[in-house]
């Protein structure tokens, strides 16, 4: 069977949502910095904390129900196995690789732009 062009690595829905959020975090200066040891990769320094049913990523609002993968070690392991992220233990730093940043999740609408 040929690979799925829209999701060539066969990520499941939770993995796609989580990678989408990691990509959004990587674009925010107050959450991420360029990786010094890997060109094109970004270190996520700060994960968001939900308040109520949502949390903020820059000017976007994300429903907490769409972010359960941020605290799910199995999701992180699956994304790392596919070389989309690295979880540097024991420091706990999350690195989104260049491949992870470039992966088209198709879930940009997960981030709702808001003014509050």
C-alpha atoms as a PDB file:
ATOM      1  CA  UNK A   1       0.000   0.000   0.000  1.00  0.00           C
ATOM      2  CA  UNK A   2       1.493   3.419  -0.938  1.00  0.00           C
ATOM      3  CA  UNK A   3       2.127   5.910   1.895  1.00  0.00           C
ATOM      4  CA  UNK A   4      -0.588   8.436   2.665  1.00  0.00           C
ATOM      5  CA  UNK A   5       0.515  11.727   1.050  1.00  0.00           C
ATOM      6  CA  UNK A   6      -1.359  13.775   3.662  1.00  0.00           C
ATOM      7  CA  UNK A   7       0.089  11.835   6.598  1.00  0.00           C
ATOM      8  CA  UNK A   8       3.096   9.874   5.299  1.00  0.00           C
ATOM      9  CA  UNK A   9       4.230   8.714   8.754  1.00  0.00           C
ATOM     10  CA  UNK A  10       0.774   7.446   9.689  1.00  0.00           C
ATOM     11  CA  UNK A  11       0.423   9.562  12.828  1.00  0.00           C
ATOM     12  CA  UNK A  12      -2.797   9.024  14.753  1.00  0.00           C
ATOM     13  CA  UNK A  13      -5.146  11.905  15.593  1.00  0.00           C
ATOM     14  CA  UNK A  14      -3.641  12.568  19.027  1.00  0.00           C
ATOM     15  CA  UNK A  15      -0.104  12.553  17.641  1.00  0.00           C
ATOM     16  CA  UNK A  16      -1.118  14.979  14.871  1.00  0.00           C
ATOM     17  CA  UNK A  17      -2.771  17.345  17.364  1.00  0.00           C
ATOM     18  CA  UNK A  18       0.241  17.236  19.660  1.00  0.00           C
ATOM     19  CA  UNK A  19       2.711  17.857  16.835  1.00  0.00           C
ATOM     20  CA  UNK A  20       0.564  20.780  15.642  1.00  0.00           C
ATOM     21  CA  UNK A  21       0.802  22.318  19.123  1.00  0.00           C
ATOM     22  CA  UNK A  22       4.557  21.706  19.290  1.00  0.00           C
ATOM     23  CA  UNK A  23       4.922  23.461  15.918  1.00  0.00           C
ATOM     24  CA  UNK A  24       2.894  26.423  17.207  1.00  0.00           C
ATOM     25  CA  UNK A  25       4.975  26.585  20.385  1.00  0.00           C
ATOM     26  CA  UNK A  26       8.168  26.482  18.333  1.00  0.00           C
ATOM     27  CA  UNK A  27       7.091  29.679  16.572  1.00  0.00           C
ATOM     28  CA  UNK A  28       6.674  31.613  19.842  1.00  0.00           C
ATOM     29  CA  UNK A  29       9.747  33.397  21.194  1.00  0.00           C
ATOM     30  CA  UNK A  30       8.553  33.172  24.797  1.00  0.00           C
ATOM     31  CA  UNK A  31       8.230  29.379  24.545  1.00  0.00           C
ATOM     32  CA  UNK A  32      11.090  28.336  22.256  1.00  0.00           C
ATOM     33  CA  UNK A  33      14.669  28.959  21.163  1.00  0.00           C
ATOM     34  CA  UNK A  34      16.673  27.630  18.218  1.00  0.00           C
ATOM     35  CA  UNK A  35      18.534  24.416  19.000  1.00  0.00           C
ATOM     36  CA  UNK A  36      22.300  24.911  19.068  1.00  0.00           C
ATOM     37  CA  UNK A  37      23.163  21.306  18.215  1.00  0.00           C
ATOM     38  CA  UNK A  38      20.804  20.677  15.311  1.00  0.00           C
ATOM     39  CA  UNK A  39      20.205  23.090  12.413  1.00  0.00           C
ATOM     40  CA  UNK A  40      16.544  23.858  11.861  1.00  0.00           C
ATOM     41  CA  UNK A  41      15.423  22.364  15.183  1.00  0.00           C
ATOM     42  CA  UNK A  42      13.815  24.314  18.025  1.00  0.00           C
ATOM     43  CA  UNK A  43      13.938  23.763  21.789  1.00  0.00           C
ATOM     44  CA  UNK A  44      10.607  24.197  23.560  1.00  0.00           C
ATOM     45  CA  UNK A  45      11.445  25.850  26.873  1.00  0.00           C
ATOM     46  CA  UNK A  46       7.970  26.228  28.300  1.00  0.00           C
ATOM     47  CA  UNK A  47       4.807  24.179  27.834  1.00  0.00           C
ATOM     48  CA  UNK A  48       1.491  25.978  28.357  1.00  0.00           C
ATOM     49  CA  UNK A  49      -0.745  25.286  31.324  1.00  0.00           C
ATOM     50  CA  UNK A  50      -4.494  25.065  30.691  1.00  0.00           C
ATOM     51  CA  UNK A  51      -6.847  27.205  32.711  1.00  0.00           C
ATOM     52  CA  UNK A  52     -10.364  25.910  32.574  1.00  0.00           C
ATOM     53  CA  UNK A  53     -11.212  24.477  29.205  1.00  0.00           C
ATOM     54  CA  UNK A  54      -8.498  26.259  27.206  1.00  0.00           C
ATOM     55  CA  UNK A  55      -5.001  27.708  27.116  1.00  0.00           C
ATOM     56  CA  UNK A  56      -3.226  30.394  25.124  1.00  0.00           C
ATOM     57  CA  UNK A  57      -0.502  30.073  22.493  1.00  0.00           C
ATOM     58  CA  UNK A  58       0.428  33.581  21.465  1.00  0.00           C
ATOM     59  CA  UNK A  59      -2.721  35.102  19.975  1.00  0.00           C
ATOM     60  CA  UNK A  60      -4.389  31.699  19.638  1.00  0.00           C
ATOM     61  CA  UNK A  61      -6.664  29.841  22.025  1.00  0.00           C
ATOM     62  CA  UNK A  62      -6.627  26.041  22.141  1.00  0.00           C
ATOM     63  CA  UNK A  63      -9.265  23.839  23.754  1.00  0.00           C
ATOM     64  CA  UNK A  64      -7.737  21.735  26.537  1.00  0.00           C
ATOM     65  CA  UNK A  65      -9.408  18.639  25.079  1.00  0.00           C
ATOM     66  CA  UNK A  66      -7.153  19.031  22.014  1.00  0.00           C
ATOM     67  CA  UNK A  67      -3.979  19.140  24.088  1.00  0.00           C
ATOM     68  CA  UNK A  68      -4.041  15.911  26.090  1.00  0.00           C
ATOM     69  CA  UNK A  69      -0.977  14.705  24.171  1.00  0.00           C
ATOM     70  CA  UNK A  70       1.177  17.430  25.744  1.00  0.00           C
ATOM     71  CA  UNK A  71       1.178  15.406  28.976  1.00  0.00           C
ATOM     72  CA  UNK A  72       1.092  11.931  27.424  1.00  0.00           C
ATOM     73  CA  UNK A  73       4.481  10.141  27.431  1.00  0.00           C
ATOM     74  CA  UNK A  74       3.273   7.580  24.861  1.00  0.00           C
ATOM     75  CA  UNK A  75       2.574  10.355  22.349  1.00  0.00           C
ATOM     76  CA  UNK A  76       6.007  11.883  22.931  1.00  0.00           C
ATOM     77  CA  UNK A  77       7.608   8.459  22.486  1.00  0.00           C
ATOM     78  CA  UNK A  78       5.779   7.863  19.209  1.00  0.00           C
ATOM     79  CA  UNK A  79       6.762  11.295  17.847  1.00  0.00           C
ATOM     80  CA  UNK A  80      10.382  10.738  18.935  1.00  0.00           C
ATOM     81  CA  UNK A  81      10.445   7.295  17.306  1.00  0.00           C
ATOM     82  CA  UNK A  82       9.487   8.992  14.025  1.00  0.00           C
ATOM     83  CA  UNK A  83      12.247  11.620  14.536  1.00  0.00           C
ATOM     84  CA  UNK A  84       9.786  14.505  14.781  1.00  0.00           C
ATOM     85  CA  UNK A  85      10.816  15.435  18.327  1.00  0.00           C
ATOM     86  CA  UNK A  86      13.524  14.610  20.863  1.00  0.00           C
ATOM     87  CA  UNK A  87      12.929  14.517  24.576  1.00  0.00           C
ATOM     88  CA  UNK A  88      16.280  15.220  26.205  1.00  0.00           C
ATOM     89  CA  UNK A  89      16.239  13.499  29.570  1.00  0.00           C
ATOM     90  CA  UNK A  90      17.050  14.297  32.328  1.00  0.00           C
ATOM     91  CA  UNK A  91      16.798  17.985  31.446  1.00  0.00           C
ATOM     92  CA  UNK A  92      13.288  17.429  30.140  1.00  0.00           C
ATOM     93  CA  UNK A  93      13.899  19.716  27.190  1.00  0.00           C
ATOM     94  CA  UNK A  94      11.702  19.040  24.225  1.00  0.00           C
ATOM     95  CA  UNK A  95      13.311  19.543  20.821  1.00  0.00           C
ATOM     96  CA  UNK A  96      11.131  19.759  17.731  1.00  0.00           C
ATOM     97  CA  UNK A  97      13.327  18.560  14.875  1.00  0.00           C
ATOM     98  CA  UNK A  98      13.473  20.189  11.457  1.00  0.00           C
ATOM     99  CA  UNK A  99      11.414  17.243  10.163  1.00  0.00           C
ATOM    100  CA  UNK A 100       8.858  17.841  12.913  1.00  0.00           C
ATOM    101  CA  UNK A 101       8.590  21.523  12.061  1.00  0.00           C
ATOM    102  CA  UNK A 102       8.144  20.731   8.368  1.00  0.00           C
ATOM    103  CA  UNK A 103       5.580  17.934   8.804  1.00  0.00           C
ATOM    104  CA  UNK A 104       2.193  19.000   7.446  1.00  0.00           C
ATOM    105  CA  UNK A 105      -0.386  17.972  10.045  1.00  0.00           C
ATOM    106  CA  UNK A 106      -3.357  19.578   8.307  1.00  0.00           C
ATOM    107  CA  UNK A 107      -4.645  20.771  11.687  1.00  0.00           C
ATOM    108  CA  UNK A 108      -3.907  24.488  11.594  1.00  0.00           C
ATOM    109  CA  UNK A 109      -7.556  25.118  12.514  1.00  0.00           C
ATOM    110  CA  UNK A 110      -6.810  23.620  15.950  1.00  0.00           C
ATOM    111  CA  UNK A 111      -5.534  27.096  16.879  1.00  0.00           C
ATOM    112  CA  UNK A 112      -8.384  29.574  17.206  1.00  0.00           C
ATOM    113  CA  UNK A 113      -7.285  33.210  16.943  1.00  0.00           C
ATOM    114  CA  UNK A 114      -8.737  35.379  19.690  1.00  0.00           C
ATOM    115  CA  UNK A 115      -8.436  38.810  21.275  1.00  0.00           C
ATOM    116  CA  UNK A 116      -8.778  37.876  24.945  1.00  0.00           C
END
